[in-house]
Amino acid sequence: MVNYVNLATPLGLLLSVVGGATRRPGPDGLVLACGYRYRFPIAGAFTVGNVVLTRRESLDDRLLAHEARHATQWACCAGLPMLPLYLLAMLASVLVCGDQASYNRSLSFKDCQ
């Protein structure tokens, strides 16, 4: 509910419509938007509010659990402030490890190598 009030989920739903994704209910209040047609951002999936967008037709449980954490982050960051914080976390990871995900615990499945 928080991500509806802070307008992050409506933004995610708008992106799903613009991106041509098919929406369906997911677990724990998530909306799965599969078939997103744009290649940006470069990721297997990305989350805006409670909307998980992906170019894939489905998501495995591990990736879905990862994206669900981002929905919580959107709620904790009061919506749009999540974007600059997320970008800063990616930049820190690039500076420390050389890629956008390895050092960023909110993005990564692996540790810095």
PDB file of N, CA and C in Angstrom:
ATOM      1  N   MET A   1       0.817  -1.200   0.000  1.00  0.00           N
ATOM      2  CA  MET A   1       0.000   0.000   0.000  1.00  0.00           C
ATOM      3  C   MET A   1       0.861   1.265   0.000  1.00  0.00           C
ATOM      4  N   VAL A   2       1.988   1.219   0.725  1.00  0.00           N
ATOM      5  CA  VAL A   2       2.863   2.394   0.814  1.00  0.00           C
ATOM      6  C   VAL A   2       3.336   2.821  -0.573  1.00  0.00           C
ATOM      7  N   ASN A   3       3.670   1.855  -1.416  1.00  0.00           N
ATOM      8  CA  ASN A   3       4.181   2.199  -2.740  1.00  0.00           C
ATOM      9  C   ASN A   3       3.104   2.736  -3.689  1.00  0.00           C
ATOM     10  N   TYR A   4       1.834   2.556  -3.339  1.00  0.00           N
ATOM     11  CA  TYR A   4       0.768   3.216  -4.097  1.00  0.00           C
ATOM     12  C   TYR A   4       0.658   4.672  -3.662  1.00  0.00           C
ATOM     13  N   VAL A   5       0.741   4.883  -2.347  1.00  0.00           N
ATOM     14  CA  VAL A   5       0.623   6.236  -1.805  1.00  0.00           C
ATOM     15  C   VAL A   5       1.798   7.112  -2.242  1.00  0.00           C
ATOM     16  N   ASN A   6       3.015   6.554  -2.241  1.00  0.00           N
ATOM     17  CA  ASN A   6       4.182   7.352  -2.634  1.00  0.00           C
ATOM     18  C   ASN A   6       4.345   7.447  -4.156  1.00  0.00           C
ATOM     19  N   LEU A   7       3.393   6.891  -4.885  1.00  0.00           N
ATOM     20  CA  LEU A   7       3.294   6.959  -6.350  1.00  0.00           C
ATOM     21  C   LEU A   7       4.321   6.124  -7.096  1.00  0.00           C
ATOM     22  N   ALA A   8       5.111   5.319  -6.390  1.00  0.00           N
ATOM     23  CA  ALA A   8       6.085   4.473  -7.072  1.00  0.00           C
ATOM     24  C   ALA A   8       5.389   3.363  -7.867  1.00  0.00           C
ATOM     25  N   THR A   9       4.397   2.706  -7.281  1.00  0.00           N
ATOM     26  CA  THR A   9       3.694   1.646  -8.009  1.00  0.00           C
ATOM     27  C   THR A   9       2.925   2.196  -9.206  1.00  0.00           C
ATOM     28  N   PRO A  10       2.207   3.314  -9.093  1.00  0.00           N
ATOM     29  CA  PRO A  10       1.593   3.864 -10.307  1.00  0.00           C
ATOM     30  C   PRO A  10       2.624   4.173 -11.402  1.00  0.00           C
ATOM     31  N   LEU A  11       3.817   4.650 -11.006  1.00  0.00           N
ATOM     32  CA  LEU A  11       4.875   4.882 -11.994  1.00  0.00           C
ATOM     33  C   LEU A  11       5.299   3.561 -12.630  1.00  0.00           C
ATOM     34  N   GLY A  12       5.466   2.517 -11.825  1.00  0.00           N
ATOM     35  CA  GLY A  12       5.806   1.201 -12.354  1.00  0.00           C
ATOM     36  C   GLY A  12       4.748   0.664 -13.304  1.00  0.00           C
ATOM     37  N   LEU A  13       3.479   0.863 -12.957  1.00  0.00           N
ATOM     38  CA  LEU A  13       2.391   0.426 -13.833  1.00  0.00           C
ATOM     39  C   LEU A  13       2.412   1.198 -15.153  1.00  0.00           C
ATOM     40  N   LEU A  14       2.670   2.506 -15.082  1.00  0.00           N
ATOM     41  CA  LEU A  14       2.784   3.310 -16.302  1.00  0.00           C
ATOM     42  C   LEU A  14       3.928   2.805 -17.175  1.00  0.00           C
ATOM     43  N   LEU A  15       5.077   2.525 -16.571  1.00  0.00           N
ATOM     44  CA  LEU A  15       6.211   1.982 -17.332  1.00  0.00           C
ATOM     45  C   LEU A  15       5.856   0.651 -17.983  1.00  0.00           C
ATOM     46  N   SER A  16       5.088  -0.169 -17.279  1.00  0.00           N
ATOM     47  CA  SER A  16       4.701  -1.456 -17.854  1.00  0.00           C
ATOM     48  C   SER A  16       3.791  -1.284 -19.068  1.00  0.00           C
ATOM     49  N   VAL A  17       2.905  -0.306 -19.016  1.00  0.00           N
ATOM     50  CA  VAL A  17       2.015  -0.042 -20.157  1.00  0.00           C
ATOM     51  C   VAL A  17       2.824   0.494 -21.337  1.00  0.00           C
ATOM     52  N   VAL A  18       3.669   1.490 -21.067  1.00  0.00           N
ATOM     53  CA  VAL A  18       4.507   2.078 -22.124  1.00  0.00           C
ATOM     54  C   VAL A  18       5.439   1.028 -22.710  1.00  0.00           C
ATOM     55  N   GLY A  19       5.942   0.131 -21.859  1.00  0.00           N
ATOM     56  CA  GLY A  19       6.868  -0.905 -22.302  1.00  0.00           C
ATOM     57  C   GLY A  19       6.195  -2.128 -22.884  1.00  0.00           C
ATOM     58  N   GLY A  20       4.869  -2.114 -22.997  1.00  0.00           N
ATOM     59  CA  GLY A  20       4.151  -3.214 -23.632  1.00  0.00           C
ATOM     60  C   GLY A  20       4.140  -4.513 -22.841  1.00  0.00           C
ATOM     61  N   ALA A  21       4.333  -4.442 -21.538  1.00  0.00           N
ATOM     62  CA  ALA A  21       4.384  -5.651 -20.714  1.00  0.00           C
ATOM     63  C   ALA A  21       2.979  -6.133 -20.365  1.00  0.00           C
ATOM     64  N   THR A  22       2.863  -7.415 -20.180  1.00  0.00           N
ATOM     65  CA  THR A  22       1.623  -8.032 -19.717  1.00  0.00           C
ATOM     66  C   THR A  22       1.698  -8.136 -18.201  1.00  0.00           C
ATOM     67  N   ARG A  23       0.698  -7.618 -17.518  1.00  0.00           N
ATOM     68  CA  ARG A  23       0.696  -7.584 -16.070  1.00  0.00           C
ATOM     69  C   ARG A  23      -0.166  -8.699 -15.498  1.00  0.00           C
ATOM     70  N   ARG A  24       0.329  -9.255 -14.385  1.00  0.00           N
ATOM     71  CA  ARG A  24      -0.448 -10.246 -13.640  1.00  0.00           C
ATOM     72  C   ARG A  24      -0.054 -10.161 -12.172  1.00  0.00           C
ATOM     73  N   PRO A  25      -0.951 -10.557 -11.288  1.00  0.00           N
ATOM     74  CA  PRO A  25      -0.632 -10.511  -9.864  1.00  0.00           C
ATOM     75  C   PRO A  25       0.499 -11.473  -9.526  1.00  0.00           C
ATOM     76  N   GLY A  26       1.370 -11.026  -8.630  1.00  0.00           N
ATOM     77  CA  GLY A  26       2.453 -11.864  -8.146  1.00  0.00           C
ATOM     78  C   GLY A  26       2.307 -12.076  -6.649  1.00  0.00           C
ATOM     79  N   PRO A  27       3.294 -12.690  -6.033  1.00  0.00           N
ATOM     80  CA  PRO A  27       3.208 -12.934  -4.593  1.00  0.00           C
ATOM     81  C   PRO A  27       3.389 -11.660  -3.779  1.00  0.00           C
ATOM     82  N   ASP A  28       2.823 -11.647  -2.607  1.00  0.00           N
ATOM     83  CA  ASP A  28       3.033 -10.576  -1.619  1.00  0.00           C
ATOM     84  C   ASP A  28       2.729  -9.178  -2.144  1.00  0.00           C
ATOM     85  N   GLY A  29       1.696  -9.054  -2.966  1.00  0.00           N
ATOM     86  CA  GLY A  29       1.283  -7.743  -3.452  1.00  0.00           C
ATOM     87  C   GLY A  29       2.095  -7.213  -4.624  1.00  0.00           C
ATOM     88  N   LEU A  30       2.993  -8.022  -5.167  1.00  0.00           N
ATOM     89  CA  LEU A  30       3.755  -7.589  -6.342  1.00  0.00           C
ATOM     90  C   LEU A  30       2.900  -7.720  -7.591  1.00  0.00           C
ATOM     91  N   VAL A  31       3.235  -6.915  -8.586  1.00  0.00           N
ATOM     92  CA  VAL A  31       2.644  -7.028  -9.923  1.00  0.00           C
ATOM     93  C   VAL A  31       3.777  -7.447 -10.843  1.00  0.00           C
ATOM     94  N   LEU A  32       3.610  -8.564 -11.548  1.00  0.00           N
ATOM     95  CA  LEU A  32       4.626  -9.039 -12.482  1.00  0.00           C
ATOM     96  C   LEU A  32       4.288  -8.510 -13.867  1.00  0.00           C
ATOM     97  N   ALA A  33       5.227  -7.777 -14.451  1.00  0.00           N
ATOM     98  CA  ALA A  33       5.027  -7.191 -15.776  1.00  0.00           C
ATOM     99  C   ALA A  33       6.042  -7.836 -16.713  1.00  0.00           C
ATOM    100  N   CYS A  34       5.598  -8.867 -17.418  1.00  0.00           N
ATOM    101  CA  CYS A  34       6.478  -9.655 -18.276  1.00  0.00           C
ATOM    102  C   CYS A  34       6.346  -9.210 -19.734  1.00  0.00           C
ATOM    103  N   GLY A  35       7.433  -9.400 -20.481  1.00  0.00           N
ATOM    104  CA  GLY A  35       7.425  -9.017 -21.885  1.00  0.00           C
ATOM    105  C   GLY A  35       7.720  -7.548 -22.106  1.00  0.00           C
ATOM    106  N   TYR A  36       8.348  -6.881 -21.137  1.00  0.00           N
ATOM    107  CA  TYR A  36       8.757  -5.471 -21.267  1.00  0.00           C
ATOM    108  C   TYR A  36       9.675  -5.353 -22.486  1.00  0.00           C
ATOM    109  N   ARG A  37       9.391  -4.450 -23.385  1.00  0.00           N
ATOM    110  CA  ARG A  37      10.072  -4.457 -24.682  1.00  0.00           C
ATOM    111  C   ARG A  37      11.339  -3.620 -24.776  1.00  0.00           C
ATOM    112  N   TYR A  38      11.627  -2.769 -23.811  1.00  0.00           N
ATOM    113  CA  TYR A  38      12.808  -1.911 -23.918  1.00  0.00           C
ATOM    114  C   TYR A  38      14.032  -2.592 -23.317  1.00  0.00           C
ATOM    115  N   ARG A  39      15.198  -2.257 -23.817  1.00  0.00           N
ATOM    116  CA  ARG A  39      16.438  -2.868 -23.348  1.00  0.00           C
ATOM    117  C   ARG A  39      17.086  -2.071 -22.223  1.00  0.00           C
ATOM    118  N   PHE A  40      16.449  -1.017 -21.768  1.00  0.00           N
ATOM    119  CA  PHE A  40      16.966  -0.249 -20.654  1.00  0.00           C
ATOM    120  C   PHE A  40      15.994  -0.354 -19.499  1.00  0.00           C
ATOM    121  N   PRO A  41      16.449  -0.567 -18.317  1.00  0.00           N
ATOM    122  CA  PRO A  41      17.837  -0.762 -17.912  1.00  0.00           C
ATOM    123  C   PRO A  41      18.319  -2.167 -18.250  1.00  0.00           C
ATOM    124  N   ILE A  42      19.630  -2.327 -18.267  1.00  0.00           N
ATOM    125  CA  ILE A  42      20.220  -3.625 -18.557  1.00  0.00           C
ATOM    126  C   ILE A  42      20.143  -4.462 -17.289  1.00  0.00           C
ATOM    127  N   ALA A  43      19.178  -5.336 -17.237  1.00  0.00           N
ATOM    128  CA  ALA A  43      18.978  -6.192 -16.065  1.00  0.00           C
ATOM    129  C   ALA A  43      18.000  -7.294 -16.443  1.00  0.00           C
ATOM    130  N   GLY A  44      18.061  -8.392 -15.710  1.00  0.00           N
ATOM    131  CA  GLY A  44      17.097  -9.468 -15.930  1.00  0.00           C
ATOM    132  C   GLY A  44      15.691  -9.036 -15.559  1.00  0.00           C
ATOM    133  N   ALA A  45      15.620  -8.130 -14.581  1.00  0.00           N
ATOM    134  CA  ALA A  45      14.357  -7.556 -14.133  1.00  0.00           C
ATOM    135  C   ALA A  45      14.685  -6.294 -13.354  1.00  0.00           C
ATOM    136  N   PHE A  46      13.709  -5.429 -13.201  1.00  0.00           N
ATOM    137  CA  PHE A  46      13.859  -4.264 -12.342  1.00  0.00           C
ATOM    138  C   PHE A  46      12.507  -3.947 -11.725  1.00  0.00           C
ATOM    139  N   THR A  47      12.563  -3.294 -10.579  1.00  0.00           N
ATOM    140  CA  THR A  47      11.349  -3.058  -9.809  1.00  0.00           C
ATOM    141  C   THR A  47      11.139  -1.571  -9.597  1.00  0.00           C
ATOM    142  N   VAL A  48       9.912  -1.129  -9.825  1.00  0.00           N
ATOM    143  CA  VAL A  48       9.506   0.245  -9.535  1.00  0.00           C
ATOM    144  C   VAL A  48       8.248   0.137  -8.683  1.00  0.00           C
ATOM    145  N   GLY A  49       8.381   0.545  -7.424  1.00  0.00           N
ATOM    146  CA  GLY A  49       7.271   0.349  -6.492  1.00  0.00           C
ATOM    147  C   GLY A  49       7.066  -1.135  -6.266  1.00  0.00           C
ATOM    148  N   ASN A  50       5.864  -1.619  -6.484  1.00  0.00           N
ATOM    149  CA  ASN A  50       5.578  -3.050  -6.360  1.00  0.00           C
ATOM    150  C   ASN A  50       5.495  -3.741  -7.710  1.00  0.00           C
ATOM    151  N   VAL A  51       5.947  -3.084  -8.766  1.00  0.00           N
ATOM    152  CA  VAL A  51       5.877  -3.641 -10.115  1.00  0.00           C
ATOM    153  C   VAL A  51       7.246  -4.171 -10.519  1.00  0.00           C
ATOM    154  N   VAL A  52       7.315  -5.459 -10.806  1.00  0.00           N
ATOM    155  CA  VAL A  52       8.540  -6.100 -11.269  1.00  0.00           C
ATOM    156  C   VAL A  52       8.444  -6.218 -12.782  1.00  0.00           C
ATOM    157  N   LEU A  53       9.319  -5.491 -13.476  1.00  0.00           N
ATOM    158  CA  LEU A  53       9.311  -5.474 -14.938  1.00  0.00           C
ATOM    159  C   LEU A  53      10.448  -6.344 -15.471  1.00  0.00           C
ATOM    160  N   THR A  54      10.161  -7.120 -16.509  1.00  0.00           N
ATOM    161  CA  THR A  54      11.165  -7.984 -17.109  1.00  0.00           C
ATOM    162  C   THR A  54      10.838  -8.216 -18.585  1.00  0.00           C
ATOM    163  N   ARG A  55      11.875  -8.453 -19.363  1.00  0.00           N
ATOM    164  CA  ARG A  55      11.668  -8.825 -20.758  1.00  0.00           C
ATOM    165  C   ARG A  55      11.306 -10.304 -20.874  1.00  0.00           C
ATOM    166  N   ARG A  56      11.556 -11.053 -19.817  1.00  0.00           N
ATOM    167  CA  ARG A  56      11.271 -12.489 -19.793  1.00  0.00           C
ATOM    168  C   ARG A  56       9.768 -12.743 -19.700  1.00  0.00           C
ATOM    169  N   GLU A  57       9.413 -14.004 -19.886  1.00  0.00           N
ATOM    170  CA  GLU A  57       8.010 -14.401 -19.743  1.00  0.00           C
ATOM    171  C   GLU A  57       7.687 -14.841 -18.318  1.00  0.00           C
ATOM    172  N   SER A  58       8.728 -15.145 -17.534  1.00  0.00           N
ATOM    173  CA  SER A  58       8.524 -15.525 -16.139  1.00  0.00           C
ATOM    174  C   SER A  58       9.815 -15.267 -15.370  1.00  0.00           C
ATOM    175  N   LEU A  59       9.731 -15.327 -14.052  1.00  0.00           N
ATOM    176  CA  LEU A  59      10.888 -15.112 -13.178  1.00  0.00           C
ATOM    177  C   LEU A  59      11.054 -16.309 -12.261  1.00  0.00           C
ATOM    178  N   ASP A  60      12.307 -16.717 -12.034  1.00  0.00           N
ATOM    179  CA  ASP A  60      12.521 -17.800 -11.080  1.00  0.00           C
ATOM    180  C   ASP A  60      12.391 -17.256  -9.659  1.00  0.00           C
ATOM    181  N   ASP A  61      12.254 -18.160  -8.708  1.00  0.00           N
ATOM    182  CA  ASP A  61      11.991 -17.765  -7.319  1.00  0.00           C
ATOM    183  C   ASP A  61      13.104 -16.903  -6.738  1.00  0.00           C
ATOM    184  N   ARG A  62      14.337 -17.189  -7.088  1.00  0.00           N
ATOM    185  CA  ARG A  62      15.473 -16.432  -6.537  1.00  0.00           C
ATOM    186  C   ARG A  62      15.455 -14.981  -7.014  1.00  0.00           C
ATOM    187  N   LEU A  63      15.240 -14.789  -8.309  1.00  0.00           N
ATOM    188  CA  LEU A  63      15.194 -13.424  -8.841  1.00  0.00           C
ATOM    189  C   LEU A  63      13.958 -12.690  -8.317  1.00  0.00           C
ATOM    190  N   LEU A  64      12.854 -13.378  -8.196  1.00  0.00           N
ATOM    191  CA  LEU A  64      11.646 -12.752  -7.677  1.00  0.00           C
ATOM    192  C   LEU A  64      11.842 -12.315  -6.222  1.00  0.00           C
ATOM    193  N   ALA A  65      12.506 -13.127  -5.412  1.00  0.00           N
ATOM    194  CA  ALA A  65      12.789 -12.745  -4.023  1.00  0.00           C
ATOM    195  C   ALA A  65      13.708 -11.528  -3.983  1.00  0.00           C
ATOM    196  N   HIS A  66      14.675 -11.489  -4.881  1.00  0.00           N
ATOM    197  CA  HIS A  66      15.590 -10.350  -4.985  1.00  0.00           C
ATOM    198  C   HIS A  66      14.809  -9.076  -5.338  1.00  0.00           C
ATOM    199  N   GLU A  67      13.956  -9.155  -6.323  1.00  0.00           N
ATOM    200  CA  GLU A  67      13.176  -7.990  -6.744  1.00  0.00           C
ATOM    201  C   GLU A  67      12.176  -7.563  -5.667  1.00  0.00           C
ATOM    202  N   ALA A  68      11.655  -8.512  -4.903  1.00  0.00           N
ATOM    203  CA  ALA A  68      10.735  -8.175  -3.812  1.00  0.00           C
ATOM    204  C   ALA A  68      11.425  -7.289  -2.778  1.00  0.00           C
ATOM    205  N   ARG A  69      12.723  -7.503  -2.558  1.00  0.00           N
ATOM    206  CA  ARG A  69      13.466  -6.634  -1.634  1.00  0.00           C
ATOM    207  C   ARG A  69      13.477  -5.199  -2.147  1.00  0.00           C
ATOM    208  N   HIS A  70      13.549  -5.041  -3.461  1.00  0.00           N
ATOM    209  CA  HIS A  70      13.536  -3.681  -4.016  1.00  0.00           C
ATOM    210  C   HIS A  70      12.187  -3.000  -3.780  1.00  0.00           C
ATOM    211  N   ALA A  71      11.100  -3.753  -3.811  1.00  0.00           N
ATOM    212  CA  ALA A  71       9.786  -3.163  -3.512  1.00  0.00           C
ATOM    213  C   ALA A  71       9.776  -2.613  -2.090  1.00  0.00           C
ATOM    214  N   THR A  72      10.380  -3.355  -1.165  1.00  0.00           N
ATOM    215  CA  THR A  72      10.486  -2.877   0.211  1.00  0.00           C
ATOM    216  C   THR A  72      11.361  -1.628   0.281  1.00  0.00           C
ATOM    217  N   GLN A  73      12.444  -1.600  -0.484  1.00  0.00           N
ATOM    218  CA  GLN A  73      13.321  -0.425  -0.511  1.00  0.00           C
ATOM    219  C   GLN A  73      12.573   0.798  -1.027  1.00  0.00           C
ATOM    220  N   TRP A  74      11.749   0.610  -2.052  1.00  0.00           N
ATOM    221  CA  TRP A  74      10.945   1.730  -2.556  1.00  0.00           C
ATOM    222  C   TRP A  74      10.056   2.277  -1.452  1.00  0.00           C
ATOM    223  N   ALA A  75       9.451   1.389  -0.669  1.00  0.00           N
ATOM    224  CA  ALA A  75       8.572   1.830   0.422  1.00  0.00           C
ATOM    225  C   ALA A  75       9.369   2.554   1.505  1.00  0.00           C
ATOM    226  N   CYS A  76      10.520   2.012   1.870  1.00  0.00           N
ATOM    227  CA  CYS A  76      11.340   2.622   2.935  1.00  0.00           C
ATOM    228  C   CYS A  76      11.936   3.960   2.517  1.00  0.00           C
ATOM    229  N   CYS A  77      12.177   4.132   1.233  1.00  0.00           N
ATOM    230  CA  CYS A  77      12.785   5.376   0.736  1.00  0.00           C
ATOM    231  C   CYS A  77      11.740   6.398   0.316  1.00  0.00           C
ATOM    232  N   ALA A  78      10.495   6.146   0.626  1.00  0.00           N
ATOM    233  CA  ALA A  78       9.393   7.075   0.332  1.00  0.00           C
ATOM    234  C   ALA A  78       9.243   7.351  -1.155  1.00  0.00           C
ATOM    235  N   GLY A  79       9.473   6.343  -1.977  1.00  0.00           N
ATOM    236  CA  GLY A  79       9.222   6.487  -3.407  1.00  0.00           C
ATOM    237  C   GLY A  79      10.396   6.988  -4.199  1.00  0.00           C
ATOM    238  N   LEU A  80      10.232   8.108  -4.858  1.00  0.00           N
ATOM    239  CA  LEU A  80      11.222   8.591  -5.819  1.00  0.00           C
ATOM    240  C   LEU A  80      12.622   8.858  -5.270  1.00  0.00           C
ATOM    241  N   PRO A  81      12.817   9.159  -3.974  1.00  0.00           N
ATOM    242  CA  PRO A  81      14.195   9.249  -3.475  1.00  0.00           C
ATOM    243  C   PRO A  81      14.979   7.945  -3.661  1.00  0.00           C
ATOM    244  N   MET A  82      14.278   6.841  -3.904  1.00  0.00           N
ATOM    245  CA  MET A  82      14.944   5.563  -4.156  1.00  0.00           C
ATOM    246  C   MET A  82      15.869   5.654  -5.369  1.00  0.00           C
ATOM    247  N   LEU A  83      15.481   6.389  -6.397  1.00  0.00           N
ATOM    248  CA  LEU A  83      16.277   6.435  -7.631  1.00  0.00           C
ATOM    249  C   LEU A  83      17.694   6.962  -7.402  1.00  0.00           C
ATOM    250  N   PRO A  84      17.893   8.145  -6.820  1.00  0.00           N
ATOM    251  CA  PRO A  84      19.274   8.595  -6.622  1.00  0.00           C
ATOM    252  C   PRO A  84      20.048   7.719  -5.643  1.00  0.00           C
ATOM    253  N   LEU A  85      19.386   7.188  -4.624  1.00  0.00           N
ATOM    254  CA  LEU A  85      20.068   6.302  -3.686  1.00  0.00           C
ATOM    255  C   LEU A  85      20.534   5.022  -4.375  1.00  0.00           C
ATOM    256  N   TYR A  86      19.705   4.481  -5.222  1.00  0.00           N
ATOM    257  CA  TYR A  86      20.023   3.272  -5.984  1.00  0.00           C
ATOM    258  C   TYR A  86      21.199   3.537  -6.924  1.00  0.00           C
ATOM    259  N   LEU A  87      21.176   4.682  -7.598  1.00  0.00           N
ATOM    260  CA  LEU A  87      22.272   5.038  -8.506  1.00  0.00           C
ATOM    261  C   LEU A  87      23.583   5.224  -7.745  1.00  0.00           C
ATOM    262  N   LEU A  88      23.533   5.829  -6.566  1.00  0.00           N
ATOM    263  CA  LEU A  88      24.733   5.979  -5.746  1.00  0.00           C
ATOM    264  C   LEU A  88      25.283   4.622  -5.314  1.00  0.00           C
ATOM    265  N   ALA A  89      24.415   3.698  -4.961  1.00  0.00           N
ATOM    266  CA  ALA A  89      24.856   2.358  -4.569  1.00  0.00           C
ATOM    267  C   ALA A  89      25.519   1.644  -5.751  1.00  0.00           C
ATOM    268  N   MET A  90      24.979   1.812  -6.945  1.00  0.00           N
ATOM    269  CA  MET A  90      25.596   1.213  -8.131  1.00  0.00           C
ATOM    270  C   MET A  90      26.955   1.844  -8.404  1.00  0.00           C
ATOM    271  N   LEU A  91      27.073   3.161  -8.277  1.00  0.00           N
ATOM    272  CA  LEU A  91      28.341   3.855  -8.495  1.00  0.00           C
ATOM    273  C   LEU A  91      29.388   3.370  -7.501  1.00  0.00           C
ATOM    274  N   ALA A  92      29.022   3.231  -6.240  1.00  0.00           N
ATOM    275  CA  ALA A  92      29.958   2.736  -5.236  1.00  0.00           C
ATOM    276  C   ALA A  92      30.454   1.338  -5.604  1.00  0.00           C
ATOM    277  N   SER A  93      29.574   0.494  -6.092  1.00  0.00           N
ATOM    278  CA  SER A  93      29.956  -0.848  -6.496  1.00  0.00           C
ATOM    279  C   SER A  93      30.935  -0.813  -7.672  1.00  0.00           C
ATOM    280  N   VAL A  94      30.683   0.061  -8.640  1.00  0.00           N
ATOM    281  CA  VAL A  94      31.592   0.195  -9.784  1.00  0.00           C
ATOM    282  C   VAL A  94      32.972   0.644  -9.303  1.00  0.00           C
ATOM    283  N   LEU A  95      33.010   1.598  -8.388  1.00  0.00           N
ATOM    284  CA  LEU A  95      34.285   2.111  -7.895  1.00  0.00           C
ATOM    285  C   LEU A  95      35.049   1.056  -7.093  1.00  0.00           C
ATOM    286  N   VAL A  96      34.357   0.237  -6.329  1.00  0.00           N
ATOM    287  CA  VAL A  96      35.012  -0.752  -5.477  1.00  0.00           C
ATOM    288  C   VAL A  96      35.337  -2.041  -6.236  1.00  0.00           C
ATOM    289  N   CYS A  97      34.407  -2.518  -7.040  1.00  0.00           N
ATOM    290  CA  CYS A  97      34.548  -3.838  -7.669  1.00  0.00           C
ATOM    291  C   CYS A  97      34.642  -3.822  -9.189  1.00  0.00           C
ATOM    292  N   GLY A  98      34.323  -2.699  -9.791  1.00  0.00           N
ATOM    293  CA  GLY A  98      34.398  -2.634 -11.250  1.00  0.00           C
ATOM    294  C   GLY A  98      33.119  -2.984 -11.977  1.00  0.00           C
ATOM    295  N   ASP A  99      32.058  -3.336 -11.253  1.00  0.00           N
ATOM    296  CA  ASP A  99      30.762  -3.552 -11.902  1.00  0.00           C
ATOM    297  C   ASP A  99      29.653  -3.058 -10.986  1.00  0.00           C
ATOM    298  N   GLN A 100      28.474  -2.928 -11.535  1.00  0.00           N
ATOM    299  CA  GLN A 100      27.385  -2.266 -10.810  1.00  0.00           C
ATOM    300  C   GLN A 100      26.734  -3.107  -9.729  1.00  0.00           C
ATOM    301  N   ALA A 101      27.006  -4.394  -9.679  1.00  0.00           N
ATOM    302  CA  ALA A 101      26.260  -5.234  -8.750  1.00  0.00           C
ATOM    303  C   ALA A 101      27.084  -5.910  -7.665  1.00  0.00           C
ATOM    304  N   SER A 102      28.342  -6.217  -7.907  1.00  0.00           N
ATOM    305  CA  SER A 102      29.088  -7.068  -6.981  1.00  0.00           C
ATOM    306  C   SER A 102      29.168  -6.529  -5.568  1.00  0.00           C
ATOM    307  N   TYR A 103      29.358  -5.235  -5.386  1.00  0.00           N
ATOM    308  CA  TYR A 103      29.498  -4.659  -4.059  1.00  0.00           C
ATOM    309  C   TYR A 103      28.164  -4.134  -3.524  1.00  0.00           C
ATOM    310  N   ASN A 104      27.186  -4.051  -4.368  1.00  0.00           N
ATOM    311  CA  ASN A 104      25.884  -3.501  -3.994  1.00  0.00           C
ATOM    312  C   ASN A 104      25.005  -4.622  -3.478  1.00  0.00           C
ATOM    313  N   ARG A 105      24.838  -4.712  -2.155  1.00  0.00           N
ATOM    314  CA  ARG A 105      24.046  -5.789  -1.556  1.00  0.00           C
ATOM    315  C   ARG A 105      22.598  -5.767  -2.013  1.00  0.00           C
ATOM    316  N   SER A 106      22.097  -4.611  -2.405  1.00  0.00           N
ATOM    317  CA  SER A 106      20.699  -4.566  -2.857  1.00  0.00           C
ATOM    318  C   SER A 106      20.559  -5.116  -4.269  1.00  0.00           C
ATOM    319  N   LEU A 107      21.676  -5.225  -5.005  1.00  0.00           N
ATOM    320  CA  LEU A 107      21.625  -5.701  -6.381  1.00  0.00           C
ATOM    321  C   LEU A 107      22.168  -7.104  -6.557  1.00  0.00           C
ATOM    322  N   SER A 108      23.079  -7.524  -5.697  1.00  0.00           N
ATOM    323  CA  SER A 108      23.950  -8.644  -5.996  1.00  0.00           C
ATOM    324  C   SER A 108      23.493  -9.973  -5.429  1.00  0.00           C
ATOM    325  N   PHE A 109      23.834 -11.017  -6.151  1.00  0.00           N
ATOM    326  CA  PHE A 109      23.731 -12.390  -5.647  1.00  0.00           C
ATOM    327  C   PHE A 109      25.122 -12.889  -5.271  1.00  0.00           C
ATOM    328  N   LYS A 110      26.169 -12.131  -5.554  1.00  0.00           N
ATOM    329  CA  LYS A 110      27.530 -12.590  -5.329  1.00  0.00           C
ATOM    330  C   LYS A 110      28.312 -11.547  -4.550  1.00  0.00           C
ATOM    331  N   ASP A 111      29.454 -11.928  -4.047  1.00  0.00           N
ATOM    332  CA  ASP A 111      30.321 -11.015  -3.331  1.00  0.00           C
ATOM    333  C   ASP A 111      31.365 -10.441  -4.268  1.00  0.00           C
ATOM    334  N   CYS A 112      32.018  -9.382  -3.835  1.00  0.00           N
ATOM    335  CA  CYS A 112      33.097  -8.767  -4.584  1.00  0.00           C
ATOM    336  C   CYS A 112      34.209  -9.806  -4.752  1.00  0.00           C
ATOM    337  N   GLN A 113      34.734  -9.931  -5.953  1.00  0.00           N
ATOM    338  CA  GLN A 113      35.749 -10.944  -6.207  1.00  0.00           C
ATOM    339  C   GLN A 113      37.131 -10.374  -6.267  1.00  0.00           C
TER     340      GLN A 113
END
